[in-house]
């Protein structure tokens, strides 16, 4: 069995920058990226506007503690 993955780029602010941290994540069973990621106890949410093909941008959730 092969686990399909994608690259999530984690950003601290609302605007994607080249300073984002790339991490490899497993795709959901339907082939879509996860809407929410927990990375070392920090919550990131998938951004609505995606700027590049081949990876997905996530923004740090300022509401999460």
Protein backbone atom coordinates (compact mmCIF):
# COMPACT_ATOMS: atom_id res chain seq x y z
CA UNK A 1 0.00 0.00 0.00
CA UNK A 2 1.31 3.41 -0.98
CA UNK A 3 0.59 6.48 1.14
CA UNK A 4 0.21 9.55 -1.06
CA UNK A 5 1.64 12.74 0.38
CA UNK A 6 1.79 16.47 -0.30
CA UNK A 7 3.94 19.38 0.86
CA UNK A 8 2.29 21.78 3.28
CA UNK A 9 4.02 25.15 3.73
CA UNK A 10 3.37 26.62 7.18
CA UNK A 11 3.19 30.42 7.48
CA UNK A 12 3.02 32.57 10.61
CA UNK A 13 1.00 35.36 8.98
CA UNK A 14 -1.84 35.80 6.48
CA UNK A 15 0.46 36.32 3.48
CA UNK A 16 2.48 33.36 2.13
CA UNK A 17 6.21 34.09 2.06
CA UNK A 18 9.30 32.18 1.07
CA UNK A 19 10.08 31.89 4.79
CA UNK A 20 7.32 29.31 5.28
CA UNK A 21 8.28 25.94 6.75
CA UNK A 22 7.67 23.00 4.39
CA UNK A 23 6.43 19.72 5.89
CA UNK A 24 5.31 16.48 4.23
CA UNK A 25 1.75 15.38 5.07
CA UNK A 26 -0.41 12.41 4.06
CA UNK A 27 -3.35 13.15 1.79
CA UNK A 28 -6.84 12.33 3.03
CA UNK A 29 -8.45 9.17 1.63
CA UNK A 30 -10.33 11.24 -0.99
CA UNK A 31 -7.03 12.72 -2.25
CA UNK A 32 -7.50 16.21 -0.79
CA UNK A 33 -5.19 18.02 1.66
CA UNK A 34 -6.19 18.30 5.31
CA UNK A 35 -8.04 21.50 6.24
CA UNK A 36 -6.30 21.70 9.63
CA UNK A 37 -2.80 20.58 10.65
CA UNK A 38 -1.35 20.15 14.13
CA UNK A 39 2.40 20.68 13.82
CA UNK A 40 4.23 20.23 17.13
CA UNK A 41 1.16 21.40 19.05
CA UNK A 42 0.58 24.47 16.85
CA UNK A 43 -2.60 24.57 14.74
CA UNK A 44 -2.42 25.67 11.09
CA UNK A 45 -5.40 26.09 8.73
CA UNK A 46 -5.43 25.63 4.96
CA UNK A 47 -5.52 29.04 3.27
CA UNK A 48 -8.37 29.70 0.84
CA UNK A 49 -6.14 31.29 -1.81
CA UNK A 50 -3.37 29.01 -3.00
CA UNK A 51 -0.49 30.73 -4.77
CA UNK A 52 1.49 27.83 -6.20
CA UNK A 53 1.00 24.45 -7.80
CA UNK A 54 2.47 21.42 -6.09
CA UNK A 55 2.11 22.42 -2.46
CA UNK A 56 -0.48 23.91 -0.12
CA UNK A 57 -0.18 27.02 2.04
CA UNK A 58 -1.33 26.97 5.68
CA UNK A 59 -1.65 29.88 8.12
CA UNK A 60 -1.06 29.68 11.85
CA UNK A 61 -4.39 29.77 13.70
CA UNK A 62 -4.27 32.80 16.00
CA UNK A 63 -7.44 31.62 17.81
CA UNK A 64 -5.91 28.34 18.99
CA UNK A 65 -4.00 28.29 22.26
